[in-house]
mmCIF file of all heavy atoms, coordinates in Angstrom:
data_MODEL
# 
_entry.id   MODEL 
# 
loop_
_atom_site.group_PDB 
_atom_site.id 
_atom_site.type_symbol 
_atom_site.label_atom_id 
_atom_site.label_alt_id 
_atom_site.label_comp_id 
_atom_site.label_asym_id 
_atom_site.label_entity_id 
_atom_site.label_seq_id 
_atom_site.pdbx_PDB_ins_code 
_atom_site.Cartn_x 
_atom_site.Cartn_y 
_atom_site.Cartn_z 
_atom_site.occupancy 
_atom_site.B_iso_or_equiv 
_atom_site.pdbx_formal_charge 
_atom_site.auth_seq_id 
_atom_site.auth_comp_id 
_atom_site.auth_asym_id 
_atom_site.auth_atom_id 
_atom_site.pdbx_PDB_model_num 
ATOM 1   N N   . TRP A 1 1  ? 17.905 -196.914 75.809 1.00 0.00 ? 1  TRP A N   1 
ATOM 2   C CA  . TRP A 1 1  ? 17.890 -197.201 77.221 1.00 0.00 ? 1  TRP A CA  1 
ATOM 3   C C   . TRP A 1 1  ? 19.148 -197.996 77.563 1.00 0.00 ? 1  TRP A C   1 
ATOM 4   O O   . TRP A 1 1  ? 19.466 -198.983 76.868 1.00 0.00 ? 1  TRP A O   1 
ATOM 5   C CB  . TRP A 1 1  ? 16.646 -197.980 77.624 1.00 0.00 ? 1  TRP A CB  1 
ATOM 6   C CG  . TRP A 1 1  ? 15.364 -197.189 77.569 1.00 0.00 ? 1  TRP A CG  1 
ATOM 7   C CD1 . TRP A 1 1  ? 14.498 -197.133 76.557 1.00 0.00 ? 1  TRP A CD1 1 
ATOM 8   C CD2 . TRP A 1 1  ? 14.884 -196.332 78.600 1.00 0.00 ? 1  TRP A CD2 1 
ATOM 9   N NE1 . TRP A 1 1  ? 13.446 -196.282 76.868 1.00 0.00 ? 1  TRP A NE1 1 
ATOM 10  C CE2 . TRP A 1 1  ? 13.673 -195.763 78.121 1.00 0.00 ? 1  TRP A CE2 1 
ATOM 11  C CE3 . TRP A 1 1  ? 15.321 -195.963 79.860 1.00 0.00 ? 1  TRP A CE3 1 
ATOM 12  C CZ2 . TRP A 1 1  ? 12.895 -194.872 78.874 1.00 0.00 ? 1  TRP A CZ2 1 
ATOM 13  C CZ3 . TRP A 1 1  ? 14.576 -195.085 80.617 1.00 0.00 ? 1  TRP A CZ3 1 
ATOM 14  C CH2 . TRP A 1 1  ? 13.382 -194.566 80.108 1.00 0.00 ? 1  TRP A CH2 1 
ATOM 15  N N   . HIS A 1 2  ? 19.818 -197.554 78.585 1.00 0.00 ? 2  HIS A N   1 
ATOM 16  C CA  . HIS A 1 2  ? 20.936 -198.265 79.186 1.00 0.00 ? 2  HIS A CA  1 
ATOM 17  C C   . HIS A 1 2  ? 20.583 -198.582 80.587 1.00 0.00 ? 2  HIS A C   1 
ATOM 18  O O   . HIS A 1 2  ? 19.683 -198.013 81.193 1.00 0.00 ? 2  HIS A O   1 
ATOM 19  C CB  . HIS A 1 2  ? 22.200 -197.411 79.142 1.00 0.00 ? 2  HIS A CB  1 
ATOM 20  C CG  . HIS A 1 2  ? 22.669 -197.025 77.769 1.00 0.00 ? 2  HIS A CG  1 
ATOM 21  N ND1 . HIS A 1 2  ? 22.028 -196.123 76.967 1.00 0.00 ? 2  HIS A ND1 1 
ATOM 22  C CD2 . HIS A 1 2  ? 23.752 -197.462 77.030 1.00 0.00 ? 2  HIS A CD2 1 
ATOM 23  C CE1 . HIS A 1 2  ? 22.632 -195.958 75.828 1.00 0.00 ? 2  HIS A CE1 1 
ATOM 24  N NE2 . HIS A 1 2  ? 23.720 -196.761 75.852 1.00 0.00 ? 2  HIS A NE2 1 
ATOM 25  N N   . ARG A 1 3  ? 21.336 -199.487 81.196 1.00 0.00 ? 3  ARG A N   1 
ATOM 26  C CA  . ARG A 1 3  ? 21.161 -199.791 82.599 1.00 0.00 ? 3  ARG A CA  1 
ATOM 27  C C   . ARG A 1 3  ? 22.469 -200.098 83.235 1.00 0.00 ? 3  ARG A C   1 
ATOM 28  O O   . ARG A 1 3  ? 23.450 -200.520 82.581 1.00 0.00 ? 3  ARG A O   1 
ATOM 29  C CB  . ARG A 1 3  ? 20.161 -200.956 82.816 1.00 0.00 ? 3  ARG A CB  1 
ATOM 30  C CG  . ARG A 1 3  ? 20.704 -202.317 82.323 1.00 0.00 ? 3  ARG A CG  1 
ATOM 31  C CD  . ARG A 1 3  ? 19.612 -203.333 82.469 1.00 0.00 ? 3  ARG A CD  1 
ATOM 32  N NE  . ARG A 1 3  ? 20.073 -204.669 82.063 1.00 0.00 ? 3  ARG A NE  1 
ATOM 33  C CZ  . ARG A 1 3  ? 19.281 -205.740 81.939 1.00 0.00 ? 3  ARG A CZ  1 
ATOM 34  N NH1 . ARG A 1 3  ? 18.013 -205.637 82.228 1.00 0.00 ? 3  ARG A NH1 1 
ATOM 35  N NH2 . ARG A 1 3  ? 19.789 -206.910 81.561 1.00 0.00 ? 3  ARG A NH2 1 
ATOM 36  N N   . GLN A 1 4  ? 22.534 -199.867 84.546 1.00 0.00 ? 4  GLN A N   1 
ATOM 37  C CA  . GLN A 1 4  ? 23.739 -200.191 85.306 1.00 0.00 ? 4  GLN A CA  1 
ATOM 38  C C   . GLN A 1 4  ? 23.336 -200.802 86.610 1.00 0.00 ? 4  GLN A C   1 
ATOM 39  O O   . GLN A 1 4  ? 22.663 -200.174 87.429 1.00 0.00 ? 4  GLN A O   1 
ATOM 40  C CB  . GLN A 1 4  ? 24.571 -198.927 85.515 1.00 0.00 ? 4  GLN A CB  1 
ATOM 41  C CG  . GLN A 1 4  ? 25.902 -199.207 86.163 1.00 0.00 ? 4  GLN A CG  1 
ATOM 42  C CD  . GLN A 1 4  ? 26.842 -198.028 86.097 1.00 0.00 ? 4  GLN A CD  1 
ATOM 43  O OE1 . GLN A 1 4  ? 26.381 -196.869 85.991 1.00 0.00 ? 4  GLN A OE1 1 
ATOM 44  N NE2 . GLN A 1 4  ? 28.121 -198.275 86.145 1.00 0.00 ? 4  GLN A NE2 1 
ATOM 45  N N   . ALA A 1 5  ? 23.709 -202.048 86.802 1.00 0.00 ? 5  ALA A N   1 
ATOM 46  C CA  . ALA A 1 5  ? 23.505 -202.724 88.044 1.00 0.00 ? 5  ALA A CA  1 
ATOM 47  C C   . ALA A 1 5  ? 24.695 -202.475 88.971 1.00 0.00 ? 5  ALA A C   1 
ATOM 48  O O   . ALA A 1 5  ? 25.788 -202.167 88.525 1.00 0.00 ? 5  ALA A O   1 
ATOM 49  C CB  . ALA A 1 5  ? 23.331 -204.206 87.790 1.00 0.00 ? 5  ALA A CB  1 
ATOM 50  N N   . PRO A 1 6  ? 24.468 -202.630 90.274 1.00 0.00 ? 6  PRO A N   1 
ATOM 51  C CA  . PRO A 1 6  ? 25.578 -202.414 91.222 1.00 0.00 ? 6  PRO A CA  1 
ATOM 52  C C   . PRO A 1 6  ? 26.762 -203.276 90.907 1.00 0.00 ? 6  PRO A C   1 
ATOM 53  O O   . PRO A 1 6  ? 26.640 -204.465 90.680 1.00 0.00 ? 6  PRO A O   1 
ATOM 54  C CB  . PRO A 1 6  ? 24.926 -202.804 92.574 1.00 0.00 ? 6  PRO A CB  1 
ATOM 55  C CG  . PRO A 1 6  ? 23.490 -202.585 92.388 1.00 0.00 ? 6  PRO A CG  1 
ATOM 56  C CD  . PRO A 1 6  ? 23.204 -202.947 90.966 1.00 0.00 ? 6  PRO A CD  1 
ATOM 57  N N   . GLY A 1 7  ? 27.937 -202.665 90.846 1.00 0.00 ? 7  GLY A N   1 
ATOM 58  C CA  . GLY A 1 7  ? 29.162 -203.367 90.594 1.00 0.00 ? 7  GLY A CA  1 
ATOM 59  C C   . GLY A 1 7  ? 29.377 -203.763 89.151 1.00 0.00 ? 7  GLY A C   1 
ATOM 60  O O   . GLY A 1 7  ? 30.350 -204.483 88.896 1.00 0.00 ? 7  GLY A O   1 
ATOM 61  N N   . LYS A 1 8  ? 28.556 -203.371 88.259 1.00 0.00 ? 8  LYS A N   1 
ATOM 62  C CA  . LYS A 1 8  ? 28.680 -203.760 86.875 1.00 0.00 ? 8  LYS A CA  1 
ATOM 63  C C   . LYS A 1 8  ? 28.780 -202.501 85.967 1.00 0.00 ? 8  LYS A C   1 
ATOM 64  O O   . LYS A 1 8  ? 28.446 -201.410 86.343 1.00 0.00 ? 8  LYS A O   1 
ATOM 65  C CB  . LYS A 1 8  ? 27.461 -204.556 86.425 1.00 0.00 ? 8  LYS A CB  1 
ATOM 66  C CG  . LYS A 1 8  ? 27.353 -205.904 87.151 1.00 0.00 ? 8  LYS A CG  1 
ATOM 67  C CD  . LYS A 1 8  ? 26.180 -206.739 86.567 1.00 0.00 ? 8  LYS A CD  1 
ATOM 68  C CE  . LYS A 1 8  ? 26.119 -208.096 87.226 1.00 0.00 ? 8  LYS A CE  1 
ATOM 69  N NZ  . LYS A 1 8  ? 25.006 -208.891 86.641 1.00 0.00 ? 8  LYS A NZ  1 
ATOM 70  N N   . GLN A 1 9  ? 29.267 -202.772 84.782 1.00 0.00 ? 9  GLN A N   1 
ATOM 71  C CA  . GLN A 1 9  ? 29.384 -201.734 83.776 1.00 0.00 ? 9  GLN A CA  1 
ATOM 72  C C   . GLN A 1 9  ? 27.993 -201.350 83.245 1.00 0.00 ? 9  GLN A C   1 
ATOM 73  O O   . GLN A 1 9  ? 27.064 -202.193 83.199 1.00 0.00 ? 9  GLN A O   1 
ATOM 74  C CB  . GLN A 1 9  ? 30.272 -202.156 82.638 1.00 0.00 ? 9  GLN A CB  1 
ATOM 75  C CG  . GLN A 1 9  ? 31.711 -202.470 83.003 1.00 0.00 ? 9  GLN A CG  1 
ATOM 76  C CD  . GLN A 1 9  ? 32.538 -201.221 83.154 1.00 0.00 ? 9  GLN A CD  1 
ATOM 77  O OE1 . GLN A 1 9  ? 32.153 -200.157 82.654 1.00 0.00 ? 9  GLN A OE1 1 
ATOM 78  N NE2 . GLN A 1 9  ? 33.655 -201.325 83.805 1.00 0.00 ? 9  GLN A NE2 1 
ATOM 79  N N   . ARG A 1 10 ? 27.866 -200.133 82.820 1.00 0.00 ? 10 ARG A N   1 
ATOM 80  C CA  . ARG A 1 10 ? 26.657 -199.720 82.169 1.00 0.00 ? 10 ARG A CA  1 
ATOM 81  C C   . ARG A 1 10 ? 26.544 -200.445 80.830 1.00 0.00 ? 10 ARG A C   1 
ATOM 82  O O   . ARG A 1 10 ? 27.523 -200.537 80.079 1.00 0.00 ? 10 ARG A O   1 
ATOM 83  C CB  . ARG A 1 10 ? 26.612 -198.210 81.964 1.00 0.00 ? 10 ARG A CB  1 
ATOM 84  C CG  . ARG A 1 10 ? 25.290 -197.687 81.432 1.00 0.00 ? 10 ARG A CG  1 
ATOM 85  C CD  . ARG A 1 10 ? 25.271 -196.154 81.405 1.00 0.00 ? 10 ARG A CD  1 
ATOM 86  N NE  . ARG A 1 10 ? 25.417 -195.585 82.747 1.00 0.00 ? 10 ARG A NE  1 
ATOM 87  C CZ  . ARG A 1 10 ? 25.251 -194.298 83.015 1.00 0.00 ? 10 ARG A CZ  1 
ATOM 88  N NH1 . ARG A 1 10 ? 24.918 -193.468 82.047 1.00 0.00 ? 10 ARG A NH1 1 
ATOM 89  N NH2 . ARG A 1 10 ? 25.399 -193.835 84.235 1.00 0.00 ? 10 ARG A NH2 1 
ATOM 90  N N   . GLU A 1 11 ? 25.367 -200.931 80.537 1.00 0.00 ? 11 GLU A N   1 
ATOM 91  C CA  . GLU A 1 11 ? 25.163 -201.652 79.294 1.00 0.00 ? 11 GLU A CA  1 
ATOM 92  C C   . GLU A 1 11 ? 24.007 -201.106 78.511 1.00 0.00 ? 11 GLU A C   1 
ATOM 93  O O   . GLU A 1 11 ? 23.025 -200.600 79.070 1.00 0.00 ? 11 GLU A O   1 
ATOM 94  C CB  . GLU A 1 11 ? 24.963 -203.175 79.555 1.00 0.00 ? 11 GLU A CB  1 
ATOM 95  C CG  . GLU A 1 11 ? 23.672 -203.450 80.331 1.00 0.00 ? 11 GLU A CG  1 
ATOM 96  C CD  . GLU A 1 11 ? 23.374 -204.936 80.444 1.00 0.00 ? 11 GLU A CD  1 
ATOM 97  O OE1 . GLU A 1 11 ? 23.899 -205.715 79.619 1.00 0.00 ? 11 GLU A OE1 1 
ATOM 98  O OE2 . GLU A 1 11 ? 22.620 -205.320 81.344 1.00 0.00 ? 11 GLU A OE2 1 
ATOM 99  N N   . LEU A 1 12 ? 24.101 -201.243 77.210 1.00 0.00 ? 12 LEU A N   1 
ATOM 100 C CA  . LEU A 1 12 ? 22.984 -200.872 76.347 1.00 0.00 ? 12 LEU A CA  1 
ATOM 101 C C   . LEU A 1 12 ? 21.896 -201.911 76.405 1.00 0.00 ? 12 LEU A C   1 
ATOM 102 O O   . LEU A 1 12 ? 22.167 -203.126 76.267 1.00 0.00 ? 12 LEU A O   1 
ATOM 103 C CB  . LEU A 1 12 ? 23.483 -200.728 74.892 1.00 0.00 ? 12 LEU A CB  1 
ATOM 104 C CG  . LEU A 1 12 ? 22.439 -200.396 73.857 1.00 0.00 ? 12 LEU A CG  1 
ATOM 105 C CD1 . LEU A 1 12 ? 21.803 -199.041 74.085 1.00 0.00 ? 12 LEU A CD1 1 
ATOM 106 C CD2 . LEU A 1 12 ? 23.029 -200.493 72.446 1.00 0.00 ? 12 LEU A CD2 1 
ATOM 107 N N   . VAL A 1 13 ? 20.703 -201.496 76.664 1.00 0.00 ? 13 VAL A N   1 
ATOM 108 C CA  . VAL A 1 13 ? 19.571 -202.406 76.758 1.00 0.00 ? 13 VAL A CA  1 
ATOM 109 C C   . VAL A 1 13 ? 18.788 -202.448 75.460 1.00 0.00 ? 13 VAL A C   1 
ATOM 110 O O   . VAL A 1 13 ? 18.489 -203.533 74.956 1.00 0.00 ? 13 VAL A O   1 
ATOM 111 C CB  . VAL A 1 13 ? 18.603 -201.936 77.915 1.00 0.00 ? 13 VAL A CB  1 
ATOM 112 C CG1 . VAL A 1 13 ? 17.353 -202.850 77.913 1.00 0.00 ? 13 VAL A CG1 1 
ATOM 113 C CG2 . VAL A 1 13 ? 19.344 -202.029 79.252 1.00 0.00 ? 13 VAL A CG2 1 
ATOM 114 N N   . ALA A 1 14 ? 18.495 -201.309 74.946 1.00 0.00 ? 14 ALA A N   1 
ATOM 115 C CA  . ALA A 1 14 ? 17.715 -201.210 73.685 1.00 0.00 ? 14 ALA A CA  1 
ATOM 116 C C   . ALA A 1 14 ? 17.959 -199.848 73.017 1.00 0.00 ? 14 ALA A C   1 
ATOM 117 O O   . ALA A 1 14 ? 18.178 -198.868 73.696 1.00 0.00 ? 14 ALA A O   1 
ATOM 118 C CB  . ALA A 1 14 ? 16.235 -201.393 73.955 1.00 0.00 ? 14 ALA A CB  1 
ATOM 119 N N   . VAL A 1 15 ? 17.899 -199.846 71.741 1.00 0.00 ? 15 VAL A N   1 
ATOM 120 C CA  . VAL A 1 15 ? 18.083 -198.607 70.981 1.00 0.00 ? 15 VAL A CA  1 
ATOM 121 C C   . VAL A 1 15 ? 17.077 -198.566 69.833 1.00 0.00 ? 15 VAL A C   1 
ATOM 122 O O   . VAL A 1 15 ? 16.714 -199.644 69.277 1.00 0.00 ? 15 VAL A O   1 
ATOM 123 C CB  . VAL A 1 15 ? 19.532 -198.493 70.424 1.00 0.00 ? 15 VAL A CB  1 
ATOM 124 C CG1 . VAL A 1 15 ? 19.854 -199.680 69.529 1.00 0.00 ? 15 VAL A CG1 1 
ATOM 125 C CG2 . VAL A 1 15 ? 19.711 -197.153 69.745 1.00 0.00 ? 15 VAL A CG2 1 
ATOM 126 N N   . ILE A 1 16 ? 16.609 -197.411 69.539 1.00 0.00 ? 16 ILE A N   1 
ATOM 127 C CA  . ILE A 1 16 ? 15.669 -197.231 68.421 1.00 0.00 ? 16 ILE A CA  1 
ATOM 128 C C   . ILE A 1 16 ? 16.135 -196.037 67.616 1.00 0.00 ? 16 ILE A C   1 
ATOM 129 O O   . ILE A 1 16 ? 16.453 -194.957 68.169 1.00 0.00 ? 16 ILE A O   1 
ATOM 130 C CB  . ILE A 1 16 ? 14.227 -197.066 68.914 1.00 0.00 ? 16 ILE A CB  1 
ATOM 131 C CG1 . ILE A 1 16 ? 13.273 -196.943 67.731 1.00 0.00 ? 16 ILE A CG1 1 
ATOM 132 C CG2 . ILE A 1 16 ? 14.090 -195.863 69.879 1.00 0.00 ? 16 ILE A CG2 1 
ATOM 133 C CD1 . ILE A 1 16 ? 11.809 -197.095 68.144 1.00 0.00 ? 16 ILE A CD1 1 
ATOM 134 N N   . SER A 1 17 ? 16.242 -196.179 66.325 1.00 0.00 ? 17 SER A N   1 
ATOM 135 C CA  . SER A 1 17 ? 16.702 -195.142 65.458 1.00 0.00 ? 17 SER A CA  1 
ATOM 136 C C   . SER A 1 17 ? 15.578 -194.195 65.105 1.00 0.00 ? 17 SER A C   1 
ATOM 137 O O   . SER A 1 17 ? 14.406 -194.433 65.414 1.00 0.00 ? 17 SER A O   1 
ATOM 138 C CB  . SER A 1 17 ? 17.284 -195.745 64.169 1.00 0.00 ? 17 SER A CB  1 
ATOM 139 O OG  . SER A 1 17 ? 16.266 -196.222 63.339 1.00 0.00 ? 17 SER A OG  1 
ATOM 140 N N   . SER A 1 18 ? 15.936 -193.099 64.444 1.00 0.00 ? 18 SER A N   1 
ATOM 141 C CA  . SER A 1 18 ? 14.922 -192.169 63.999 1.00 0.00 ? 18 SER A CA  1 
ATOM 142 C C   . SER A 1 18 ? 13.955 -192.810 63.010 1.00 0.00 ? 18 SER A C   1 
ATOM 143 O O   . SER A 1 18 ? 12.791 -192.366 62.938 1.00 0.00 ? 18 SER A O   1 
ATOM 144 C CB  . SER A 1 18 ? 15.551 -190.932 63.372 1.00 0.00 ? 18 SER A CB  1 
ATOM 145 O OG  . SER A 1 18 ? 16.341 -191.298 62.235 1.00 0.00 ? 18 SER A OG  1 
ATOM 146 N N   . GLY A 1 19 ? 14.419 -193.805 62.297 1.00 0.00 ? 19 GLY A N   1 
ATOM 147 C CA  . GLY A 1 19 ? 13.572 -194.533 61.360 1.00 0.00 ? 19 GLY A CA  1 
ATOM 148 C C   . GLY A 1 19 ? 12.773 -195.640 61.991 1.00 0.00 ? 19 GLY A C   1 
ATOM 149 O O   . GLY A 1 19 ? 12.026 -196.322 61.284 1.00 0.00 ? 19 GLY A O   1 
ATOM 150 N N   . GLY A 1 20 ? 12.989 -195.884 63.248 1.00 0.00 ? 20 GLY A N   1 
ATOM 151 C CA  . GLY A 1 20 ? 12.190 -196.913 63.945 1.00 0.00 ? 20 GLY A CA  1 
ATOM 152 C C   . GLY A 1 20 ? 12.829 -198.282 64.035 1.00 0.00 ? 20 GLY A C   1 
ATOM 153 O O   . GLY A 1 20 ? 12.224 -199.219 64.552 1.00 0.00 ? 20 GLY A O   1 
ATOM 154 N N   . THR A 1 21 ? 14.027 -198.419 63.541 1.00 0.00 ? 21 THR A N   1 
ATOM 155 C CA  . THR A 1 21 ? 14.706 -199.716 63.695 1.00 0.00 ? 21 THR A CA  1 
ATOM 156 C C   . THR A 1 21 ? 15.191 -199.900 65.116 1.00 0.00 ? 21 THR A C   1 
ATOM 157 O O   . THR A 1 21 ? 15.609 -198.939 65.749 1.00 0.00 ? 21 THR A O   1 
ATOM 158 C CB  . THR A 1 21 ? 15.904 -199.825 62.711 1.00 0.00 ? 21 THR A CB  1 
ATOM 159 O OG1 . THR A 1 21 ? 16.811 -198.801 62.950 1.00 0.00 ? 21 THR A OG1 1 
ATOM 160 C CG2 . THR A 1 21 ? 15.395 -199.775 61.281 1.00 0.00 ? 21 THR A CG2 1 
ATOM 161 N N   . THR A 1 22 ? 15.112 -201.106 65.597 1.00 0.00 ? 22 THR A N   1 
ATOM 162 C CA  . THR A 1 22 ? 15.443 -201.380 66.982 1.00 0.00 ? 22 THR A CA  1 
ATOM 163 C C   . THR A 1 22 ? 16.501 -202.455 67.119 1.00 0.00 ? 22 THR A C   1 
ATOM 164 O O   . THR A 1 22 ? 16.696 -203.273 66.225 1.00 0.00 ? 22 THR A O   1 
ATOM 165 C CB  . THR A 1 22 ? 14.186 -201.818 67.760 1.00 0.00 ? 22 THR A CB  1 
ATOM 166 O OG1 . THR A 1 22 ? 13.650 -203.016 67.142 1.00 0.00 ? 22 THR A OG1 1 
ATOM 167 C CG2 . THR A 1 22 ? 13.119 -200.753 67.720 1.00 0.00 ? 22 THR A CG2 1 
ATOM 168 N N   . ASN A 1 23 ? 17.154 -202.442 68.238 1.00 0.00 ? 23 ASN A N   1 
ATOM 169 C CA  . ASN A 1 23 ? 18.104 -203.461 68.596 1.00 0.00 ? 23 ASN A CA  1 
ATOM 170 C C   . ASN A 1 23 ? 18.045 -203.645 70.100 1.00 0.00 ? 23 ASN A C   1 
ATOM 171 O O   . ASN A 1 23 ? 17.846 -202.676 70.839 1.00 0.00 ? 23 ASN A O   1 
ATOM 172 C CB  . ASN A 1 23 ? 19.500 -203.089 68.148 1.00 0.00 ? 23 ASN A CB  1 
ATOM 173 C CG  . ASN A 1 23 ? 20.442 -204.279 68.180 1.00 0.00 ? 23 ASN A CG  1 
ATOM 174 O OD1 . ASN A 1 23 ? 20.034 -205.426 68.009 1.00 0.00 ? 23 ASN A OD1 1 
ATOM 175 N ND2 . ASN A 1 23 ? 21.726 -203.996 68.424 1.00 0.00 ? 23 ASN A ND2 1 
ATOM 176 N N   . TYR A 1 24 ? 18.272 -204.869 70.568 1.00 0.00 ? 24 TYR A N   1 
ATOM 177 C CA  . TYR A 1 24 ? 18.166 -205.194 71.959 1.00 0.00 ? 24 TYR A CA  1 
ATOM 178 C C   . TYR A 1 24 ? 19.323 -206.022 72.427 1.00 0.00 ? 24 TYR A C   1 
ATOM 179 O O   . TYR A 1 24 ? 19.916 -206.827 71.661 1.00 0.00 ? 24 TYR A O   1 
ATOM 180 C CB  . TYR A 1 24 ? 16.879 -206.000 72.242 1.00 0.00 ? 24 TYR A CB  1 
ATOM 181 C CG  . TYR A 1 24 ? 15.597 -205.287 71.894 1.00 0.00 ? 24 TYR A CG  1 
ATOM 182 C CD1 . TYR A 1 24 ? 15.035 -205.414 70.647 1.00 0.00 ? 24 TYR A CD1 1 
ATOM 183 C CD2 . TYR A 1 24 ? 14.954 -204.490 72.835 1.00 0.00 ? 24 TYR A CD2 1 
ATOM 184 C CE1 . TYR A 1 24 ? 13.858 -204.761 70.336 1.00 0.00 ? 24 TYR A CE1 1 
ATOM 185 C CE2 . TYR A 1 24 ? 13.776 -203.855 72.544 1.00 0.00 ? 24 TYR A CE2 1 
ATOM 186 C CZ  . TYR A 1 24 ? 13.236 -203.999 71.283 1.00 0.00 ? 24 TYR A CZ  1 
ATOM 187 O OH  . TYR A 1 24 ? 12.079 -203.336 70.991 1.00 0.00 ? 24 TYR A OH  1 
ATOM 188 N N   . ALA A 1 25 ? 19.659 -205.827 73.687 1.00 0.00 ? 25 ALA A N   1 
ATOM 189 C CA  . ALA A 1 25 ? 20.596 -206.766 74.277 1.00 0.00 ? 25 ALA A CA  1 
ATOM 190 C C   . ALA A 1 25 ? 19.989 -208.171 74.316 1.00 0.00 ? 25 ALA A C   1 
ATOM 191 O O   . ALA A 1 25 ? 18.762 -208.308 74.487 1.00 0.00 ? 25 ALA A O   1 
ATOM 192 C CB  . ALA A 1 25 ? 20.926 -206.341 75.721 1.00 0.00 ? 25 ALA A CB  1 
# 
């Protein structure tokens, strides 16, 4: 999941791998 607020760059919010590992902003 990524997000983009008005006037800001798109940023990575959270990622999950095929193996289920996760990372968050």
